[in-house]
Amino acid sequence: MVFELVKQRSVAGHFLAELRDANVQKDPLRFRRNLERVGEVLALELSRTLEYRAQEVVSPLGTAHVDLLAEQPVLATILRAGLPMHQGMLNYFDRAENAFISAYRKHRKGEDGFDIEVEYLSSPSLHDRVLVLCDPMLATGQSMVLVYKALLRLGLPKTLHVVSAIASAEGLAYAKLHLPAGTRFWIGAVDEEMTAQAYIVPGLGDAGDLAYGAKL
């Protein structure tokens, strides 16, 4: 299942538009906040598909019958670009456990090609858990797949959700092919093109640099 936020007309379209806008991008605080807000909206949409249990809550004036989450998910984020969206998800799943993974492109000298390097990993047990894997840009899809495989050393999740602000059509197809059957994708917008350097077009540029500053 693929949920594409821009196909549901809402104010969230403004957040995505500002993320793409080269002039608004000059304000890194605004850029981070917009990623966070997209994460919040996608968290709400994702939450509609989770399991709930009927419970009672006692107020000062009586008892209310409510449906509450049967279990909290594990929120996993690819460093560093994923941090603002992770915070947005955590604002809504505020009791979730968290996992963090570093993955980056290691470019081959003199070539457009690159390899994905996965280094740091910190996570609770994922055995039979609901796993939400977040990265703002789903370009080639290779990072997402490699990070998921790295996380499997912590246990096999029962459900996988992938959350991105922008995906390429090619990367989405790759992730659907190489991630488990039944994976659900929560995407802000899907773009059709990528450059030879695997940047999404029109995309928004380098999310990590725009959020936290250029790196060497």
N, C-alpha and C. Protein backbone atom coordinates (compact mmCIF):
# COMPACT_ATOMS: atom_id res chain seq x y z
N MET A 1 0.84 -1.19 0.00
CA MET A 1 0.00 0.00 0.00
C MET A 1 0.87 1.24 0.00
N VAL A 2 0.54 2.18 -0.85
CA VAL A 2 1.25 3.46 -0.91
C VAL A 2 0.26 4.59 -0.66
N PHE A 3 0.52 5.39 0.38
CA PHE A 3 -0.27 6.58 0.67
C PHE A 3 0.55 7.79 0.22
N GLU A 4 -0.01 8.62 -0.67
CA GLU A 4 0.68 9.82 -1.15
C GLU A 4 -0.07 11.05 -0.67
N LEU A 5 0.56 11.81 0.21
CA LEU A 5 -0.10 12.90 0.92
C LEU A 5 -0.66 13.96 -0.02
N VAL A 6 0.07 14.33 -1.08
CA VAL A 6 -0.37 15.43 -1.94
C VAL A 6 -1.64 15.08 -2.71
N LYS A 7 -1.98 13.80 -2.76
CA LYS A 7 -3.22 13.42 -3.43
C LYS A 7 -4.44 13.63 -2.55
N GLN A 8 -4.19 13.92 -1.26
CA GLN A 8 -5.26 14.26 -0.33
C GLN A 8 -5.17 15.77 -0.07
N ARG A 9 -6.01 16.55 -0.70
CA ARG A 9 -5.89 18.01 -0.56
C ARG A 9 -6.01 18.44 0.89
N SER A 10 -4.97 19.12 1.36
CA SER A 10 -4.96 19.61 2.75
C SER A 10 -3.88 20.66 2.88
N VAL A 11 -3.84 21.29 4.03
CA VAL A 11 -2.82 22.31 4.30
C VAL A 11 -1.42 21.71 4.29
N ALA A 12 -1.31 20.39 4.42
CA ALA A 12 0.01 19.76 4.37
C ALA A 12 0.70 19.99 3.04
N GLY A 13 -0.08 20.26 1.99
CA GLY A 13 0.51 20.60 0.71
C GLY A 13 1.36 21.86 0.79
N HIS A 14 0.99 22.79 1.68
CA HIS A 14 1.78 24.00 1.88
C HIS A 14 3.14 23.66 2.49
N PHE A 15 3.16 22.69 3.42
CA PHE A 15 4.43 22.31 4.05
C PHE A 15 5.39 21.73 3.00
N LEU A 16 4.86 20.88 2.13
CA LEU A 16 5.68 20.28 1.08
C LEU A 16 6.14 21.32 0.07
N ALA A 17 5.25 22.27 -0.26
CA ALA A 17 5.62 23.32 -1.20
C ALA A 17 6.77 24.16 -0.64
N GLU A 18 6.71 24.49 0.64
CA GLU A 18 7.78 25.28 1.25
C GLU A 18 9.08 24.49 1.33
N LEU A 19 9.00 23.18 1.54
CA LEU A 19 10.19 22.35 1.55
C LEU A 19 10.93 22.41 0.22
N ARG A 20 10.17 22.51 -0.88
CA ARG A 20 10.77 22.55 -2.22
C ARG A 20 11.26 23.95 -2.59
N ASP A 21 10.65 24.99 -2.03
CA ASP A 21 10.89 26.37 -2.45
C ASP A 21 12.31 26.82 -2.10
N ALA A 22 13.12 27.12 -3.13
CA ALA A 22 14.52 27.49 -2.91
C ALA A 22 14.66 28.73 -2.04
N ASN A 23 13.70 29.63 -2.08
CA ASN A 23 13.77 30.83 -1.25
C ASN A 23 13.47 30.52 0.22
N VAL A 24 12.44 29.71 0.46
CA VAL A 24 12.11 29.34 1.84
C VAL A 24 13.21 28.47 2.43
N GLN A 25 13.88 27.68 1.61
CA GLN A 25 14.95 26.81 2.08
C GLN A 25 16.12 27.56 2.70
N LYS A 26 16.21 28.86 2.44
CA LYS A 26 17.30 29.66 3.02
C LYS A 26 17.18 29.78 4.53
N ASP A 27 16.02 29.46 5.06
CA ASP A 27 15.78 29.49 6.51
C ASP A 27 15.80 28.05 7.02
N PRO A 28 16.92 27.57 7.56
CA PRO A 28 17.00 26.17 7.99
C PRO A 28 16.02 25.83 9.10
N LEU A 29 15.70 26.80 9.96
CA LEU A 29 14.71 26.53 11.01
C LEU A 29 13.36 26.22 10.39
N ARG A 30 12.96 27.00 9.39
CA ARG A 30 11.69 26.76 8.70
C ARG A 30 11.72 25.42 7.98
N PHE A 31 12.85 25.09 7.36
CA PHE A 31 12.98 23.82 6.65
C PHE A 31 12.80 22.65 7.62
N ARG A 32 13.48 22.70 8.75
CA ARG A 32 13.36 21.62 9.73
C ARG A 32 11.93 21.52 10.24
N ARG A 33 11.32 22.66 10.49
CA ARG A 33 9.94 22.64 11.02
C ARG A 33 8.97 22.06 10.00
N ASN A 34 9.17 22.35 8.73
CA ASN A 34 8.29 21.79 7.71
C ASN A 34 8.46 20.28 7.60
N LEU A 35 9.70 19.80 7.69
CA LEU A 35 9.90 18.35 7.72
C LEU A 35 9.20 17.73 8.94
N GLU A 36 9.31 18.42 10.06
CA GLU A 36 8.66 17.94 11.28
C GLU A 36 7.14 17.88 11.10
N ARG A 37 6.57 18.92 10.49
CA ARG A 37 5.12 18.96 10.30
C ARG A 37 4.65 17.88 9.33
N VAL A 38 5.43 17.62 8.28
CA VAL A 38 5.07 16.52 7.38
C VAL A 38 5.11 15.19 8.14
N GLY A 39 6.11 15.04 9.00
CA GLY A 39 6.18 13.84 9.83
C GLY A 39 4.97 13.70 10.73
N GLU A 40 4.49 14.80 11.29
CA GLU A 40 3.30 14.76 12.15
C GLU A 40 2.06 14.32 11.37
N VAL A 41 1.89 14.89 10.19
CA VAL A 41 0.70 14.55 9.39
C VAL A 41 0.74 13.08 8.97
N LEU A 42 1.91 12.62 8.53
CA LEU A 42 2.01 11.22 8.12
C LEU A 42 1.87 10.28 9.31
N ALA A 43 2.32 10.71 10.49
CA ALA A 43 2.11 9.90 11.69
C ALA A 43 0.63 9.71 11.98
N LEU A 44 -0.14 10.79 11.83
CA LEU A 44 -1.58 10.70 12.07
C LEU A 44 -2.23 9.74 11.08
N GLU A 45 -1.87 9.86 9.79
CA GLU A 45 -2.45 8.98 8.78
C GLU A 45 -2.06 7.53 9.04
N LEU A 46 -0.80 7.30 9.37
CA LEU A 46 -0.33 5.95 9.67
C LEU A 46 -1.06 5.36 10.88
N SER A 47 -1.32 6.19 11.87
CA SER A 47 -1.95 5.71 13.11
C SER A 47 -3.34 5.13 12.87
N ARG A 48 -3.98 5.54 11.78
CA ARG A 48 -5.32 5.02 11.49
C ARG A 48 -5.30 3.53 11.15
N THR A 49 -4.13 3.01 10.78
CA THR A 49 -4.04 1.61 10.34
C THR A 49 -3.56 0.67 11.44
N LEU A 50 -3.24 1.20 12.61
CA LEU A 50 -2.71 0.37 13.69
C LEU A 50 -3.83 -0.27 14.49
N GLU A 51 -3.45 -1.17 15.38
CA GLU A 51 -4.43 -1.89 16.20
C GLU A 51 -4.74 -1.10 17.47
N TYR A 52 -6.03 -1.14 17.86
CA TYR A 52 -6.50 -0.42 19.05
C TYR A 52 -7.28 -1.36 19.96
N ARG A 53 -7.34 -0.98 21.23
CA ARG A 53 -8.11 -1.75 22.22
C ARG A 53 -9.04 -0.81 22.98
N ALA A 54 -10.23 -1.31 23.25
CA ALA A 54 -11.19 -0.53 24.03
C ALA A 54 -10.74 -0.46 25.49
N GLN A 55 -10.75 0.74 26.04
CA GLN A 55 -10.36 0.93 27.44
C GLN A 55 -11.27 1.97 28.08
N GLU A 56 -11.14 2.08 29.39
CA GLU A 56 -11.92 3.08 30.14
C GLU A 56 -10.96 4.09 30.76
N VAL A 57 -11.36 5.35 30.71
CA VAL A 57 -10.60 6.42 31.35
C VAL A 57 -11.54 7.14 32.31
N VAL A 58 -11.09 7.28 33.54
CA VAL A 58 -11.92 7.91 34.57
C VAL A 58 -11.59 9.40 34.63
N SER A 59 -12.59 10.23 34.38
CA SER A 59 -12.44 11.68 34.50
C SER A 59 -13.00 12.12 35.86
N PRO A 60 -12.86 13.39 36.23
CA PRO A 60 -13.43 13.85 37.50
C PRO A 60 -14.95 13.68 37.57
N LEU A 61 -15.61 13.53 36.41
CA LEU A 61 -17.08 13.48 36.40
C LEU A 61 -17.65 12.14 35.93
N GLY A 62 -16.81 11.22 35.60
CA GLY A 62 -17.36 9.94 35.14
C GLY A 62 -16.32 9.12 34.41
N THR A 63 -16.80 8.13 33.66
CA THR A 63 -15.94 7.19 32.93
C THR A 63 -16.18 7.32 31.44
N ALA A 64 -15.10 7.47 30.69
CA ALA A 64 -15.18 7.55 29.23
C ALA A 64 -14.65 6.25 28.63
N HIS A 65 -15.33 5.78 27.60
CA HIS A 65 -14.89 4.59 26.87
C HIS A 65 -14.12 5.05 25.64
N VAL A 66 -12.87 4.61 25.53
CA VAL A 66 -11.98 5.10 24.48
C VAL A 66 -11.28 3.92 23.81
N ASP A 67 -10.77 4.19 22.60
CA ASP A 67 -9.92 3.22 21.89
C ASP A 67 -8.50 3.76 21.91
N LEU A 68 -7.58 2.98 22.48
CA LEU A 68 -6.19 3.38 22.58
C LEU A 68 -5.30 2.37 21.87
N LEU A 69 -4.12 2.82 21.44
CA LEU A 69 -3.19 1.94 20.74
C LEU A 69 -2.92 0.67 21.54
N ALA A 70 -2.98 -0.45 20.83
CA ALA A 70 -2.71 -1.73 21.48
C ALA A 70 -1.22 -1.86 21.82
N GLU A 71 -0.37 -1.27 21.00
CA GLU A 71 1.07 -1.26 21.27
C GLU A 71 1.71 -0.06 20.60
N GLN A 72 2.83 0.37 21.14
CA GLN A 72 3.57 1.48 20.56
C GLN A 72 4.53 0.96 19.48
N PRO A 73 4.70 1.69 18.39
CA PRO A 73 5.66 1.27 17.38
C PRO A 73 7.09 1.59 17.80
N VAL A 74 8.04 1.07 17.04
CA VAL A 74 9.43 1.50 17.14
C VAL A 74 9.69 2.46 15.97
N LEU A 75 10.13 3.67 16.28
CA LEU A 75 10.43 4.67 15.26
C LEU A 75 11.92 4.60 14.94
N ALA A 76 12.26 4.25 13.70
CA ALA A 76 13.66 4.14 13.28
C ALA A 76 13.96 5.22 12.25
N THR A 77 15.09 5.87 12.40
CA THR A 77 15.43 7.00 11.54
C THR A 77 16.85 6.89 11.03
N ILE A 78 17.02 7.25 9.75
CA ILE A 78 18.33 7.29 9.13
C ILE A 78 18.95 8.67 9.39
N LEU A 79 20.10 8.68 10.05
CA LEU A 79 20.80 9.92 10.36
C LEU A 79 21.47 10.47 9.10
N ARG A 80 21.61 11.82 9.02
CA ARG A 80 21.15 12.84 9.94
C ARG A 80 19.87 13.50 9.45
N ALA A 81 19.62 13.35 8.13
CA ALA A 81 18.51 14.07 7.50
C ALA A 81 17.16 13.67 8.08
N GLY A 82 17.06 12.45 8.62
CA GLY A 82 15.77 11.98 9.11
C GLY A 82 15.34 12.54 10.44
N LEU A 83 16.23 13.27 11.14
CA LEU A 83 15.92 13.70 12.50
C LEU A 83 14.69 14.61 12.61
N PRO A 84 14.50 15.62 11.74
CA PRO A 84 13.30 16.46 11.90
C PRO A 84 12.00 15.68 11.69
N MET A 85 11.94 14.82 10.68
CA MET A 85 10.74 14.01 10.49
C MET A 85 10.53 13.05 11.65
N HIS A 86 11.64 12.52 12.17
CA HIS A 86 11.55 11.64 13.33
C HIS A 86 10.89 12.36 14.50
N GLN A 87 11.30 13.61 14.73
CA GLN A 87 10.69 14.38 15.82
C GLN A 87 9.20 14.58 15.58
N GLY A 88 8.81 14.83 14.32
CA GLY A 88 7.39 14.96 14.02
C GLY A 88 6.63 13.69 14.34
N MET A 89 7.18 12.54 13.95
CA MET A 89 6.54 11.26 14.27
C MET A 89 6.48 11.05 15.79
N LEU A 90 7.57 11.43 16.47
CA LEU A 90 7.63 11.24 17.92
C LEU A 90 6.69 12.17 18.66
N ASN A 91 6.37 13.32 18.08
CA ASN A 91 5.39 14.21 18.69
C ASN A 91 4.04 13.52 18.82
N TYR A 92 3.73 12.61 17.91
CA TYR A 92 2.44 11.92 17.94
C TYR A 92 2.54 10.55 18.61
N PHE A 93 3.58 9.78 18.26
CA PHE A 93 3.83 8.50 18.95
C PHE A 93 4.79 8.77 20.10
N ASP A 94 4.31 9.50 21.10
CA ASP A 94 5.21 10.05 22.11
C ASP A 94 5.69 9.03 23.13
N ARG A 95 5.17 7.81 23.07
CA ARG A 95 5.65 6.75 23.96
C ARG A 95 6.42 5.67 23.19
N ALA A 96 6.71 5.94 21.94
CA ALA A 96 7.38 4.95 21.10
C ALA A 96 8.84 4.78 21.54
N GLU A 97 9.36 3.58 21.30
CA GLU A 97 10.80 3.36 21.41
C GLU A 97 11.43 3.81 20.09
N ASN A 98 12.76 4.03 20.14
CA ASN A 98 13.42 4.66 19.00
C ASN A 98 14.67 3.91 18.58
N ALA A 99 14.94 3.97 17.28
CA ALA A 99 16.16 3.39 16.72
C ALA A 99 16.80 4.42 15.80
N PHE A 100 18.14 4.44 15.76
CA PHE A 100 18.87 5.38 14.92
C PHE A 100 19.97 4.64 14.16
N ILE A 101 20.08 4.95 12.87
CA ILE A 101 21.04 4.29 12.01
C ILE A 101 21.73 5.33 11.15
N SER A 102 23.05 5.25 11.02
CA SER A 102 23.75 6.14 10.10
C SER A 102 23.96 5.41 8.78
N ALA A 103 23.56 6.06 7.69
CA ALA A 103 23.78 5.53 6.35
C ALA A 103 24.13 6.71 5.45
N TYR A 104 25.13 6.54 4.62
CA TYR A 104 25.52 7.65 3.76
C TYR A 104 26.05 7.12 2.43
N ARG A 105 26.07 8.02 1.44
CA ARG A 105 26.59 7.67 0.13
C ARG A 105 28.11 7.84 0.11
N LYS A 106 28.82 6.78 -0.22
CA LYS A 106 30.26 6.84 -0.38
C LYS A 106 30.55 6.87 -1.88
N HIS A 107 30.86 8.06 -2.39
CA HIS A 107 31.00 8.23 -3.83
C HIS A 107 32.33 7.64 -4.32
N ARG A 108 32.26 7.02 -5.50
CA ARG A 108 33.45 6.48 -6.13
C ARG A 108 34.20 7.60 -6.84
N LYS A 109 35.49 7.66 -6.63
CA LYS A 109 36.30 8.74 -7.17
C LYS A 109 36.20 8.81 -8.69
N GLY A 110 35.82 10.00 -9.18
CA GLY A 110 35.74 10.22 -10.61
C GLY A 110 34.53 9.61 -11.28
N GLU A 111 33.57 9.14 -10.48
CA GLU A 111 32.38 8.51 -11.04
C GLU A 111 31.12 9.13 -10.43
N ASP A 112 29.99 8.98 -11.15
CA ASP A 112 28.71 9.39 -10.58
C ASP A 112 28.19 8.36 -9.59
N GLY A 113 28.67 7.12 -9.72
CA GLY A 113 28.16 6.04 -8.88
C GLY A 113 28.61 6.16 -7.43
N PHE A 114 27.94 5.44 -6.55
CA PHE A 114 28.28 5.45 -5.13
C PHE A 114 27.84 4.15 -4.49
N ASP A 115 28.40 3.88 -3.31
CA ASP A 115 27.98 2.76 -2.50
C ASP A 115 27.33 3.30 -1.23
N ILE A 116 26.44 2.53 -0.64
CA ILE A 116 25.79 2.93 0.60
C ILE A 116 26.55 2.30 1.77
N GLU A 117 27.00 3.13 2.69
CA GLU A 117 27.69 2.65 3.88
C GLU A 117 26.76 2.78 5.09
N VAL A 118 26.58 1.68 5.81
CA VAL A 118 25.79 1.68 7.05
C VAL A 118 26.77 1.46 8.20
N GLU A 119 26.77 2.39 9.17
CA GLU A 119 27.74 2.30 10.26
C GLU A 119 27.04 2.17 11.61
N TYR A 120 26.74 3.29 12.24
CA TYR A 120 26.18 3.28 13.60
C TYR A 120 24.75 2.76 13.61
N LEU A 121 24.43 1.95 14.62
CA LEU A 121 23.06 1.43 14.77
C LEU A 121 22.75 1.31 16.25
N SER A 122 21.64 1.91 16.67
CA SER A 122 21.17 1.81 18.05
C SER A 122 19.68 1.54 18.03
N SER A 123 19.25 0.42 18.63
CA SER A 123 17.85 0.03 18.51
C SER A 123 17.44 -0.91 19.63
N PRO A 124 16.17 -0.86 20.03
CA PRO A 124 15.65 -1.90 20.92
C PRO A 124 15.39 -3.17 20.13
N SER A 125 14.94 -4.21 20.78
CA SER A 125 14.55 -5.43 20.08
C SER A 125 13.40 -5.12 19.13
N LEU A 126 13.48 -5.67 17.93
CA LEU A 126 12.43 -5.46 16.94
C LEU A 126 11.58 -6.71 16.73
N HIS A 127 11.81 -7.73 17.52
CA HIS A 127 11.07 -8.98 17.36
C HIS A 127 9.57 -8.77 17.52
N ASP A 128 8.83 -9.06 16.47
CA ASP A 128 7.37 -9.00 16.48
C ASP A 128 6.84 -7.60 16.79
N ARG A 129 7.62 -6.57 16.42
CA ARG A 129 7.20 -5.20 16.68
C ARG A 129 6.69 -4.53 15.40
N VAL A 130 5.98 -3.42 15.57
CA VAL A 130 5.61 -2.55 14.46
C VAL A 130 6.77 -1.58 14.26
N LEU A 131 7.42 -1.65 13.09
CA LEU A 131 8.59 -0.83 12.81
C LEU A 131 8.22 0.26 11.81
N VAL A 132 8.54 1.51 12.16
CA VAL A 132 8.33 2.66 11.28
C VAL A 132 9.71 3.18 10.90
N LEU A 133 10.08 3.08 9.63
CA LEU A 133 11.40 3.46 9.15
C LEU A 133 11.29 4.77 8.38
N CYS A 134 12.00 5.79 8.85
CA CYS A 134 11.81 7.14 8.35
C CYS A 134 13.08 7.69 7.70
N ASP A 135 12.94 8.25 6.50
CA ASP A 135 14.01 8.97 5.81
C ASP A 135 13.32 9.98 4.89
N PRO A 136 13.66 11.28 4.96
CA PRO A 136 12.88 12.26 4.20
C PRO A 136 12.92 12.07 2.69
N MET A 137 14.02 11.51 2.16
CA MET A 137 14.15 11.34 0.71
C MET A 137 14.34 9.87 0.37
N LEU A 138 13.43 9.32 -0.40
CA LEU A 138 13.55 7.95 -0.90
C LEU A 138 13.95 8.06 -2.36
N ALA A 139 15.27 8.11 -2.62
CA ALA A 139 15.77 8.36 -3.97
C ALA A 139 15.92 7.04 -4.73
N THR A 140 17.05 6.36 -4.57
CA THR A 140 17.22 5.07 -5.24
C THR A 140 16.52 3.94 -4.49
N GLY A 141 16.26 4.15 -3.21
CA GLY A 141 15.68 3.10 -2.38
C GLY A 141 16.71 2.17 -1.77
N GLN A 142 17.97 2.28 -2.20
CA GLN A 142 19.00 1.37 -1.71
C GLN A 142 19.29 1.56 -0.22
N SER A 143 19.36 2.82 0.22
CA SER A 143 19.62 3.07 1.65
C SER A 143 18.54 2.46 2.52
N MET A 144 17.29 2.64 2.13
CA MET A 144 16.18 2.12 2.91
C MET A 144 16.25 0.60 3.04
N VAL A 145 16.56 -0.07 1.94
CA VAL A 145 16.63 -1.53 1.95
C VAL A 145 17.81 -2.01 2.79
N LEU A 146 18.99 -1.39 2.63
CA LEU A 146 20.16 -1.80 3.39
C LEU A 146 19.98 -1.55 4.88
N VAL A 147 19.36 -0.43 5.22
CA VAL A 147 19.11 -0.13 6.64
C VAL A 147 18.14 -1.14 7.24
N TYR A 148 17.10 -1.49 6.49
CA TYR A 148 16.16 -2.50 7.00
C TYR A 148 16.89 -3.82 7.25
N LYS A 149 17.74 -4.23 6.31
CA LYS A 149 18.47 -5.49 6.48
C LYS A 149 19.40 -5.43 7.69
N ALA A 150 20.02 -4.25 7.92
CA ALA A 150 20.88 -4.10 9.09
C ALA A 150 20.08 -4.20 10.38
N LEU A 151 18.86 -3.68 10.37
CA LEU A 151 18.03 -3.72 11.57
C LEU A 151 17.56 -5.13 11.92
N LEU A 152 17.55 -6.02 10.95
CA LEU A 152 17.06 -7.37 11.19
C LEU A 152 17.90 -8.13 12.22
N ARG A 153 19.13 -7.66 12.47
CA ARG A 153 19.92 -8.32 13.51
C ARG A 153 19.31 -8.10 14.89
N LEU A 154 18.39 -7.12 15.00
CA LEU A 154 17.70 -6.86 16.27
C LEU A 154 16.37 -7.59 16.36
N GLY A 155 16.03 -8.42 15.37
CA GLY A 155 14.78 -9.16 15.40
C GLY A 155 13.93 -8.87 14.17
N LEU A 156 12.98 -9.74 13.90
CA LEU A 156 12.12 -9.62 12.73
C LEU A 156 10.83 -8.90 13.10
N PRO A 157 10.59 -7.69 12.57
CA PRO A 157 9.33 -6.98 12.87
C PRO A 157 8.14 -7.72 12.26
N LYS A 158 6.98 -7.53 12.88
CA LYS A 158 5.78 -8.13 12.29
C LYS A 158 5.18 -7.26 11.21
N THR A 159 5.45 -5.94 11.28
CA THR A 159 4.91 -4.99 10.31
C THR A 159 5.95 -3.93 10.03
N LEU A 160 6.06 -3.51 8.76
CA LEU A 160 7.00 -2.45 8.38
C LEU A 160 6.26 -1.32 7.70
N HIS A 161 6.51 -0.09 8.18
CA HIS A 161 6.00 1.13 7.55
C HIS A 161 7.21 1.98 7.15
N VAL A 162 7.20 2.50 5.93
CA VAL A 162 8.25 3.38 5.44
C VAL A 162 7.67 4.77 5.26
N VAL A 163 8.34 5.78 5.83
CA VAL A 163 7.84 7.16 5.79
C VAL A 163 8.89 8.06 5.13
N SER A 164 8.48 8.81 4.10
CA SER A 164 9.37 9.75 3.42
C SER A 164 8.59 10.98 3.00
N ALA A 165 9.28 12.12 2.99
CA ALA A 165 8.63 13.34 2.51
C ALA A 165 8.48 13.31 0.99
N ILE A 166 9.55 12.90 0.29
CA ILE A 166 9.52 12.83 -1.17
C ILE A 166 10.22 11.55 -1.61
N ALA A 167 9.63 10.87 -2.58
CA ALA A 167 10.21 9.66 -3.15
C ALA A 167 10.29 9.80 -4.66
N SER A 168 11.26 9.13 -5.26
CA SER A 168 11.25 9.00 -6.71
C SER A 168 10.43 7.76 -7.06
N ALA A 169 9.84 7.78 -8.24
CA ALA A 169 9.07 6.61 -8.68
C ALA A 169 9.96 5.38 -8.76
N GLU A 170 11.20 5.57 -9.23
CA GLU A 170 12.15 4.46 -9.35
C GLU A 170 12.52 3.90 -7.97
N GLY A 171 12.82 4.79 -7.04
CA GLY A 171 13.19 4.36 -5.70
C GLY A 171 12.05 3.65 -4.99
N LEU A 172 10.84 4.16 -5.17
CA LEU A 172 9.68 3.53 -4.57
C LEU A 172 9.49 2.12 -5.13
N ALA A 173 9.66 1.97 -6.43
CA ALA A 173 9.52 0.64 -7.06
C ALA A 173 10.60 -0.31 -6.52
N TYR A 174 11.83 0.19 -6.35
CA TYR A 174 12.92 -0.64 -5.83
C TYR A 174 12.61 -1.09 -4.40
N ALA A 175 12.15 -0.16 -3.57
CA ALA A 175 11.85 -0.49 -2.18
C ALA A 175 10.71 -1.49 -2.10
N LYS A 176 9.69 -1.32 -2.91
CA LYS A 176 8.57 -2.26 -2.91
C LYS A 176 9.02 -3.66 -3.30
N LEU A 177 10.00 -3.74 -4.20
CA LEU A 177 10.48 -5.03 -4.68
C LEU A 177 11.35 -5.74 -3.64
N HIS A 178 12.13 -4.96 -2.87
CA HIS A 178 13.14 -5.56 -2.00
C HIS A 178 12.79 -5.55 -0.51
N LEU A 179 11.72 -4.88 -0.14
CA LEU A 179 11.27 -4.93 1.25
C LEU A 179 10.16 -5.97 1.38
N PRO A 180 9.83 -6.39 2.60
CA PRO A 180 8.87 -7.49 2.77
C PRO A 180 7.50 -7.19 2.16
N ALA A 181 6.85 -8.23 1.70
CA ALA A 181 5.48 -8.09 1.21
C ALA A 181 4.61 -7.53 2.33
N GLY A 182 3.73 -6.62 1.98
CA GLY A 182 2.86 -6.01 2.97
C GLY A 182 3.41 -4.73 3.57
N THR A 183 4.64 -4.33 3.18
CA THR A 183 5.19 -3.05 3.65
C THR A 183 4.28 -1.91 3.20
N ARG A 184 4.02 -0.97 4.10
CA ARG A 184 3.19 0.18 3.77
C ARG A 184 4.06 1.43 3.65
N PHE A 185 3.82 2.21 2.60
CA PHE A 185 4.61 3.39 2.32
C PHE A 185 3.76 4.64 2.54
N TRP A 186 4.32 5.57 3.31
CA TRP A 186 3.65 6.84 3.62
C TRP A 186 4.53 7.96 3.08
N ILE A 187 4.12 8.51 1.93
CA ILE A 187 4.96 9.42 1.17
C ILE A 187 4.27 10.77 1.03
N GLY A 188 5.05 11.86 1.18
CA GLY A 188 4.48 13.18 0.95
C GLY A 188 4.14 13.38 -0.51
N ALA A 189 5.10 13.10 -1.40
CA ALA A 189 4.89 13.25 -2.83
C ALA A 189 5.85 12.31 -3.57
N VAL A 190 5.41 11.80 -4.71
CA VAL A 190 6.24 10.95 -5.56
C VAL A 190 6.60 11.72 -6.82
N ASP A 191 7.92 11.86 -7.08
CA ASP A 191 8.42 12.54 -8.28
C ASP A 191 8.91 11.50 -9.28
N GLU A 192 8.78 11.82 -10.56
CA GLU A 192 9.04 10.82 -11.60
C GLU A 192 10.51 10.72 -12.00
N GLU A 193 11.32 11.74 -11.77
CA GLU A 193 12.68 11.75 -12.34
C GLU A 193 13.76 11.74 -11.27
N MET A 194 14.97 11.30 -11.70
CA MET A 194 16.19 11.42 -10.90
C MET A 194 17.34 11.83 -11.81
N THR A 195 18.31 12.55 -11.26
CA THR A 195 19.50 12.91 -12.02
C THR A 195 20.45 11.71 -12.09
N ALA A 196 21.53 11.86 -12.87
CA ALA A 196 22.55 10.82 -12.95
C ALA A 196 23.22 10.60 -11.60
N GLN A 197 23.20 11.64 -10.75
CA GLN A 197 23.78 11.53 -9.39
C GLN A 197 22.77 11.04 -8.37
N ALA A 198 21.61 10.59 -8.84
CA ALA A 198 20.55 10.01 -7.99
C ALA A 198 19.93 11.03 -7.05
N TYR A 199 19.74 12.26 -7.53
CA TYR A 199 18.95 13.25 -6.80
C TYR A 199 17.57 13.33 -7.45
N ILE A 200 16.54 13.41 -6.62
CA ILE A 200 15.16 13.43 -7.11
C ILE A 200 14.87 14.77 -7.78
N VAL A 201 14.14 14.72 -8.90
CA VAL A 201 13.74 15.92 -9.66
C VAL A 201 12.21 15.96 -9.76
N PRO A 202 11.55 17.08 -9.37
CA PRO A 202 12.16 18.31 -8.86
C PRO A 202 12.68 18.20 -7.44
N GLY A 203 12.20 17.24 -6.65
CA GLY A 203 12.73 17.02 -5.31
C GLY A 203 12.83 18.28 -4.50
N LEU A 204 13.93 18.38 -3.73
CA LEU A 204 14.15 19.60 -2.94
C LEU A 204 15.63 19.87 -2.69
N GLY A 205 16.50 18.97 -3.15
CA GLY A 205 17.93 19.12 -2.90
C GLY A 205 18.38 18.14 -1.82
N ASP A 206 19.43 18.49 -1.11
CA ASP A 206 19.99 17.64 -0.05
C ASP A 206 19.33 18.00 1.28
N ALA A 207 18.45 17.14 1.75
CA ALA A 207 17.67 17.45 2.96
C ALA A 207 18.58 17.63 4.18
N GLY A 208 19.63 16.81 4.30
CA GLY A 208 20.52 16.93 5.44
C GLY A 208 21.26 18.25 5.46
N ASP A 209 21.77 18.68 4.32
CA ASP A 209 22.47 19.95 4.24
C ASP A 209 21.53 21.12 4.51
N LEU A 210 20.32 21.05 3.96
CA LEU A 210 19.37 22.15 4.15
C LEU A 210 18.93 22.25 5.62
N ALA A 211 18.86 21.13 6.30
CA ALA A 211 18.42 21.14 7.70
C ALA A 211 19.54 21.51 8.65
N TYR A 212 20.78 21.05 8.35
CA TYR A 212 21.85 21.16 9.36
C TYR A 212 23.13 21.79 8.85
N GLY A 213 23.17 22.19 7.58
CA GLY A 213 24.37 22.82 7.04
C GLY A 213 25.17 21.86 6.18
N ALA A 214 25.93 22.45 5.25
CA ALA A 214 26.70 21.64 4.31
C ALA A 214 27.78 20.85 5.04
N LYS A 215 28.09 19.66 4.52
CA LYS A 215 29.14 18.80 5.08
C LYS A 215 30.30 18.70 4.10
N LEU A 216 31.45 18.34 4.60
CA LEU A 216 32.63 18.16 3.74
C LEU A 216 32.52 16.86 2.97
